[in-house]
Each structure stands twice: as structure tokens, then as C-alpha cells.
Amino acid sequence: MVSGLGRRLGALCLDWLASLVITVLLFRQVAYGSTASSLATLLVFAAEVIVLTWLIGASFGQRILGLTVVRVDGSRLPLWRVALRTLLICLVIPAVVYDSDGRGLHDRAVGSVVLRV
């Protein structure tokens, strides 16, 4: 079953919160709220989403909320598709524009779908 917008948004918030915490802990010399801190958080977020989605099929937040990311045919996404999908999420607009099936432009671009497990 394709995941609803609420769960996907919740997973995104959990991933971003985890990235903020990791950034604050790893980059203590960078002032929270600065441009450098924002960029570091975005990079941590992207790394977390790419690595975990590629390895286990879901980011930290998605795993907690019972979601998985797969190709439309149900198979695993290869690394390049995961990386492109994550880049598009980081650009924001492709992730907030979605179709009647609930798939964002980022999912349509790489042939993926987010499912409830």
C-alpha cells in the first residue's frame, strides 16, 4: 500500500531532527543557525538518507514509521537512483509536488514508490 503524505512528512521530520542532533554533536565549532550549520545539517541529512535507503530500503525516520522505498516493480533501488532521489528531496520542490497516486516528482523521476510495511 502506497504511504500517505502524513507518514512521509513525519519520516522527513524525524530524519531532519536526527540530522540536526548529529550536526550539533559532530560540528561543535560551528554556530547553530549559521549558514555553515545549515549546510552541514543538509549534508548529514543527505548522507543518512542515501546510505540507509540504499542499505536497508528506508531512512531512519521511514524505518521508525514503517515505510520502505522500492522501485515501482518492488525491487531494491540501486545506489544511483537513491542518490538522485535524495538530491531531488534536498531541492524541496520535487518532493512537495506529487501526483494522484501520492508519488512525488522525486519518486517519479527515479521510478520509486514509498510503501507502508
N, C-alpha and C. Protein backbone atom coordinates (compact mmCIF):
# COMPACT_ATOMS: atom_id res chain seq x y z
N MET A 1 0.84 -1.17 0.00
CA MET A 1 0.00 0.00 0.00
C MET A 1 0.90 1.25 0.00
N VAL A 2 0.62 2.18 -0.90
CA VAL A 2 1.39 3.41 -1.01
C VAL A 2 1.18 4.25 0.25
N SER A 3 2.25 4.78 0.79
CA SER A 3 2.19 5.56 2.01
C SER A 3 1.51 6.91 1.77
N GLY A 4 0.81 7.36 2.79
CA GLY A 4 0.18 8.67 2.73
C GLY A 4 1.16 9.79 3.01
N LEU A 5 0.75 10.98 2.71
CA LEU A 5 1.60 12.16 2.88
C LEU A 5 1.98 12.37 4.34
N GLY A 6 1.08 12.11 5.26
CA GLY A 6 1.35 12.32 6.69
C GLY A 6 2.53 11.52 7.21
N ARG A 7 2.56 10.25 6.90
CA ARG A 7 3.68 9.39 7.34
C ARG A 7 4.98 9.81 6.69
N ARG A 8 4.93 10.14 5.41
CA ARG A 8 6.15 10.56 4.72
C ARG A 8 6.67 11.86 5.30
N LEU A 9 5.80 12.79 5.61
CA LEU A 9 6.21 14.05 6.22
C LEU A 9 6.77 13.82 7.62
N GLY A 10 6.14 12.94 8.36
CA GLY A 10 6.64 12.59 9.70
C GLY A 10 8.03 11.99 9.63
N ALA A 11 8.25 11.11 8.66
CA ALA A 11 9.57 10.49 8.49
C ALA A 11 10.61 11.54 8.13
N LEU A 12 10.24 12.47 7.26
CA LEU A 12 11.15 13.56 6.88
C LEU A 12 11.53 14.39 8.11
N CYS A 13 10.56 14.70 8.95
CA CYS A 13 10.84 15.48 10.17
C CYS A 13 11.77 14.72 11.12
N LEU A 14 11.54 13.42 11.28
CA LEU A 14 12.43 12.62 12.12
C LEU A 14 13.85 12.58 11.56
N ASP A 15 13.96 12.43 10.25
CA ASP A 15 15.28 12.43 9.62
C ASP A 15 15.98 13.77 9.81
N TRP A 16 15.25 14.86 9.64
CA TRP A 16 15.85 16.18 9.79
C TRP A 16 16.27 16.42 11.25
N LEU A 17 15.43 16.02 12.21
CA LEU A 17 15.77 16.18 13.62
C LEU A 17 17.02 15.37 13.97
N ALA A 18 17.10 14.15 13.48
CA ALA A 18 18.30 13.32 13.71
C ALA A 18 19.53 13.98 13.10
N SER A 19 19.37 14.56 11.92
CA SER A 19 20.49 15.24 11.27
C SER A 19 20.93 16.47 12.06
N LEU A 20 19.98 17.21 12.61
CA LEU A 20 20.31 18.36 13.45
C LEU A 20 21.11 17.95 14.68
N VAL A 21 20.65 16.89 15.33
CA VAL A 21 21.34 16.41 16.54
C VAL A 21 22.76 15.96 16.19
N ILE A 22 22.92 15.20 15.12
CA ILE A 22 24.24 14.74 14.71
C ILE A 22 25.15 15.91 14.37
N THR A 23 24.60 16.91 13.67
CA THR A 23 25.39 18.09 13.29
C THR A 23 25.87 18.84 14.53
N VAL A 24 24.97 19.04 15.48
CA VAL A 24 25.34 19.75 16.71
C VAL A 24 26.43 18.99 17.47
N LEU A 25 26.32 17.66 17.50
CA LEU A 25 27.31 16.86 18.22
C LEU A 25 28.65 16.77 17.50
N LEU A 26 28.62 16.66 16.17
CA LEU A 26 29.87 16.48 15.42
C LEU A 26 30.58 17.78 15.09
N PHE A 27 29.83 18.84 14.90
CA PHE A 27 30.41 20.12 14.47
C PHE A 27 30.21 21.18 15.54
N ARG A 28 30.75 20.95 16.71
CA ARG A 28 30.58 21.88 17.84
C ARG A 28 31.17 23.26 17.57
N GLN A 29 32.17 23.34 16.71
CA GLN A 29 32.82 24.61 16.41
C GLN A 29 31.96 25.51 15.52
N VAL A 30 30.92 24.95 14.91
CA VAL A 30 30.05 25.71 14.01
C VAL A 30 28.85 26.21 14.80
N ALA A 31 28.58 27.49 14.72
CA ALA A 31 27.46 28.09 15.46
C ALA A 31 26.13 27.60 14.92
N TYR A 32 25.28 27.10 15.83
CA TYR A 32 23.96 26.63 15.43
C TYR A 32 23.17 27.78 14.79
N GLY A 33 22.52 27.50 13.67
CA GLY A 33 21.74 28.51 12.97
C GLY A 33 22.51 29.27 11.92
N SER A 34 23.82 29.07 11.86
CA SER A 34 24.63 29.75 10.86
C SER A 34 24.47 29.06 9.51
N THR A 35 24.95 29.71 8.47
CA THR A 35 24.91 29.12 7.14
C THR A 35 25.71 27.81 7.11
N ALA A 36 26.86 27.81 7.77
CA ALA A 36 27.69 26.59 7.81
C ALA A 36 26.95 25.46 8.52
N SER A 37 26.25 25.78 9.59
CA SER A 37 25.49 24.78 10.32
C SER A 37 24.35 24.23 9.46
N SER A 38 23.68 25.10 8.72
CA SER A 38 22.59 24.66 7.85
C SER A 38 23.10 23.74 6.75
N LEU A 39 24.22 24.11 6.15
CA LEU A 39 24.81 23.29 5.10
C LEU A 39 25.27 21.93 5.66
N ALA A 40 25.88 21.95 6.84
CA ALA A 40 26.32 20.70 7.46
C ALA A 40 25.12 19.80 7.75
N THR A 41 24.04 20.38 8.23
CA THR A 41 22.83 19.60 8.51
C THR A 41 22.27 18.98 7.24
N LEU A 42 22.25 19.75 6.16
CA LEU A 42 21.76 19.24 4.88
C LEU A 42 22.64 18.09 4.39
N LEU A 43 23.96 18.22 4.54
CA LEU A 43 24.87 17.16 4.10
C LEU A 43 24.71 15.90 4.95
N VAL A 44 24.55 16.08 6.26
CA VAL A 44 24.32 14.93 7.15
C VAL A 44 23.00 14.25 6.77
N PHE A 45 21.97 15.07 6.54
CA PHE A 45 20.66 14.54 6.13
C PHE A 45 20.80 13.71 4.85
N ALA A 46 21.44 14.28 3.84
CA ALA A 46 21.60 13.60 2.56
C ALA A 46 22.38 12.29 2.73
N ALA A 47 23.46 12.33 3.49
CA ALA A 47 24.27 11.12 3.71
C ALA A 47 23.45 10.04 4.42
N GLU A 48 22.71 10.44 5.44
CA GLU A 48 21.89 9.48 6.20
C GLU A 48 20.84 8.84 5.30
N VAL A 49 20.15 9.65 4.54
CA VAL A 49 19.08 9.13 3.67
C VAL A 49 19.66 8.23 2.58
N ILE A 50 20.74 8.66 1.96
CA ILE A 50 21.34 7.84 0.89
C ILE A 50 21.82 6.50 1.43
N VAL A 51 22.62 6.53 2.48
CA VAL A 51 23.21 5.29 2.99
C VAL A 51 22.14 4.33 3.50
N LEU A 52 21.24 4.81 4.33
CA LEU A 52 20.25 3.91 4.90
C LEU A 52 19.23 3.42 3.87
N THR A 53 18.81 4.30 2.97
CA THR A 53 17.85 3.87 1.95
C THR A 53 18.48 2.83 1.04
N TRP A 54 19.74 3.01 0.70
CA TRP A 54 20.42 2.05 -0.16
C TRP A 54 20.63 0.71 0.56
N LEU A 55 21.04 0.78 1.83
CA LEU A 55 21.36 -0.45 2.56
C LEU A 55 20.13 -1.20 3.08
N ILE A 56 19.15 -0.47 3.65
CA ILE A 56 18.02 -1.16 4.28
C ILE A 56 16.66 -0.79 3.67
N GLY A 57 16.67 0.05 2.64
CA GLY A 57 15.43 0.38 1.96
C GLY A 57 14.59 1.46 2.62
N ALA A 58 15.14 2.11 3.63
CA ALA A 58 14.40 3.17 4.31
C ALA A 58 15.37 4.03 5.11
N SER A 59 15.04 5.31 5.21
CA SER A 59 15.83 6.19 6.07
C SER A 59 15.47 5.90 7.53
N PHE A 60 16.16 6.56 8.45
CA PHE A 60 15.89 6.41 9.88
C PHE A 60 14.42 6.67 10.19
N GLY A 61 13.93 7.82 9.75
CA GLY A 61 12.54 8.18 10.03
C GLY A 61 11.54 7.25 9.36
N GLN A 62 11.83 6.86 8.14
CA GLN A 62 10.94 5.93 7.43
C GLN A 62 10.87 4.59 8.14
N ARG A 63 12.01 4.11 8.61
CA ARG A 63 12.03 2.81 9.30
C ARG A 63 11.18 2.89 10.56
N ILE A 64 11.32 3.97 11.34
CA ILE A 64 10.54 4.13 12.57
C ILE A 64 9.04 4.15 12.28
N LEU A 65 8.65 4.81 11.18
CA LEU A 65 7.22 4.93 10.86
C LEU A 65 6.70 3.81 9.95
N GLY A 66 7.51 2.79 9.73
CA GLY A 66 7.05 1.62 8.99
C GLY A 66 6.91 1.82 7.50
N LEU A 67 7.87 2.56 6.92
CA LEU A 67 7.85 2.81 5.48
C LEU A 67 9.07 2.18 4.82
N THR A 68 8.97 1.93 3.55
CA THR A 68 10.10 1.45 2.77
C THR A 68 10.05 2.07 1.38
N VAL A 69 11.21 2.24 0.77
CA VAL A 69 11.32 2.81 -0.57
C VAL A 69 11.78 1.70 -1.51
N VAL A 70 11.00 1.46 -2.55
CA VAL A 70 11.33 0.42 -3.53
C VAL A 70 11.08 0.96 -4.93
N ARG A 71 11.58 0.24 -5.91
CA ARG A 71 11.25 0.56 -7.30
C ARG A 71 9.78 0.22 -7.52
N VAL A 72 9.20 0.76 -8.55
CA VAL A 72 7.79 0.51 -8.84
C VAL A 72 7.50 -0.97 -9.01
N ASP A 73 8.49 -1.73 -9.49
CA ASP A 73 8.30 -3.18 -9.66
C ASP A 73 8.54 -3.96 -8.36
N GLY A 74 8.84 -3.26 -7.27
CA GLY A 74 9.03 -3.90 -5.97
C GLY A 74 10.46 -4.27 -5.62
N SER A 75 11.39 -4.08 -6.54
CA SER A 75 12.79 -4.43 -6.28
C SER A 75 13.51 -3.27 -5.58
N ARG A 76 14.72 -3.56 -5.11
CA ARG A 76 15.54 -2.55 -4.43
C ARG A 76 16.00 -1.48 -5.40
N LEU A 77 16.17 -0.28 -4.87
CA LEU A 77 16.70 0.82 -5.68
C LEU A 77 18.22 0.73 -5.72
N PRO A 78 18.82 0.87 -6.88
CA PRO A 78 20.28 0.93 -6.94
C PRO A 78 20.78 2.25 -6.36
N LEU A 79 22.04 2.29 -6.01
CA LEU A 79 22.63 3.46 -5.36
C LEU A 79 22.41 4.75 -6.15
N TRP A 80 22.59 4.72 -7.46
CA TRP A 80 22.47 5.95 -8.23
C TRP A 80 21.04 6.50 -8.17
N ARG A 81 20.03 5.63 -8.12
CA ARG A 81 18.65 6.09 -8.01
C ARG A 81 18.37 6.67 -6.62
N VAL A 82 18.93 6.03 -5.61
CA VAL A 82 18.78 6.54 -4.24
C VAL A 82 19.42 7.92 -4.13
N ALA A 83 20.62 8.08 -4.68
CA ALA A 83 21.33 9.36 -4.61
C ALA A 83 20.58 10.45 -5.36
N LEU A 84 20.07 10.15 -6.55
CA LEU A 84 19.31 11.14 -7.32
C LEU A 84 18.01 11.50 -6.60
N ARG A 85 17.33 10.51 -6.05
CA ARG A 85 16.09 10.75 -5.31
C ARG A 85 16.36 11.67 -4.12
N THR A 86 17.44 11.42 -3.40
CA THR A 86 17.78 12.24 -2.24
C THR A 86 18.15 13.66 -2.65
N LEU A 87 18.91 13.81 -3.72
CA LEU A 87 19.23 15.14 -4.23
C LEU A 87 17.96 15.92 -4.54
N LEU A 88 17.01 15.27 -5.18
CA LEU A 88 15.75 15.94 -5.51
C LEU A 88 14.94 16.29 -4.25
N ILE A 89 15.01 15.45 -3.22
CA ILE A 89 14.36 15.78 -1.95
C ILE A 89 15.01 17.03 -1.35
N CYS A 90 16.34 17.09 -1.41
CA CYS A 90 17.06 18.25 -0.87
C CYS A 90 16.72 19.55 -1.60
N LEU A 91 16.32 19.44 -2.86
CA LEU A 91 15.90 20.62 -3.62
C LEU A 91 14.48 21.06 -3.24
N VAL A 92 13.76 20.27 -2.48
CA VAL A 92 12.43 20.50 -1.91
C VAL A 92 11.28 20.45 -2.93
N ILE A 93 11.30 21.28 -3.96
CA ILE A 93 10.16 21.38 -4.87
C ILE A 93 9.74 20.02 -5.44
N PRO A 94 10.65 19.20 -5.95
CA PRO A 94 10.20 17.90 -6.48
C PRO A 94 9.51 17.02 -5.43
N ALA A 95 9.86 17.21 -4.17
CA ALA A 95 9.27 16.39 -3.12
C ALA A 95 7.87 16.86 -2.71
N VAL A 96 7.55 18.12 -2.93
CA VAL A 96 6.24 18.62 -2.50
C VAL A 96 5.22 18.65 -3.63
N VAL A 97 5.65 18.37 -4.84
CA VAL A 97 4.73 18.27 -5.97
C VAL A 97 4.51 16.79 -6.22
N TYR A 98 3.28 16.35 -6.05
CA TYR A 98 3.01 14.92 -6.21
C TYR A 98 1.75 14.70 -7.03
N ASP A 99 1.61 13.45 -7.51
CA ASP A 99 0.50 13.11 -8.39
C ASP A 99 -0.66 12.49 -7.61
N SER A 100 -1.67 12.06 -8.33
CA SER A 100 -2.87 11.49 -7.69
C SER A 100 -2.57 10.16 -7.00
N ASP A 101 -1.47 9.52 -7.36
CA ASP A 101 -1.06 8.27 -6.70
C ASP A 101 -0.27 8.53 -5.43
N GLY A 102 0.01 9.80 -5.12
CA GLY A 102 0.77 10.14 -3.93
C GLY A 102 2.27 10.04 -4.11
N ARG A 103 2.73 9.94 -5.35
CA ARG A 103 4.17 9.87 -5.62
C ARG A 103 4.66 11.25 -6.00
N GLY A 104 5.71 11.70 -5.31
CA GLY A 104 6.31 12.99 -5.62
C GLY A 104 7.11 12.93 -6.91
N LEU A 105 7.46 14.10 -7.42
CA LEU A 105 8.27 14.15 -8.64
C LEU A 105 9.60 13.43 -8.45
N HIS A 106 10.15 13.49 -7.23
CA HIS A 106 11.41 12.80 -6.97
C HIS A 106 11.25 11.29 -7.12
N ASP A 107 10.11 10.74 -6.68
CA ASP A 107 9.85 9.31 -6.84
C ASP A 107 9.59 8.96 -8.30
N ARG A 108 8.85 9.79 -8.98
CA ARG A 108 8.54 9.53 -10.39
C ARG A 108 9.82 9.57 -11.24
N ALA A 109 10.72 10.49 -10.91
CA ALA A 109 11.96 10.64 -11.69
C ALA A 109 12.85 9.40 -11.63
N VAL A 110 12.84 8.71 -10.50
CA VAL A 110 13.71 7.54 -10.35
C VAL A 110 12.94 6.22 -10.38
N GLY A 111 11.63 6.28 -10.58
CA GLY A 111 10.83 5.06 -10.65
C GLY A 111 10.67 4.37 -9.31
N SER A 112 10.51 5.16 -8.24
CA SER A 112 10.35 4.58 -6.91
C SER A 112 8.98 4.89 -6.34
N VAL A 113 8.66 4.20 -5.26
CA VAL A 113 7.42 4.41 -4.53
C VAL A 113 7.69 4.14 -3.06
N VAL A 114 7.03 4.90 -2.17
CA VAL A 114 7.17 4.69 -0.73
C VAL A 114 5.96 3.90 -0.27
N LEU A 115 6.23 2.75 0.34
CA LEU A 115 5.16 1.85 0.78
C LEU A 115 5.13 1.71 2.29
N ARG A 116 3.95 1.46 2.82
CA ARG A 116 3.84 1.09 4.24
C ARG A 116 4.17 -0.39 4.34
N VAL A 117 4.93 -0.73 5.35
CA VAL A 117 5.33 -2.13 5.51
C VAL A 117 4.42 -2.83 6.49
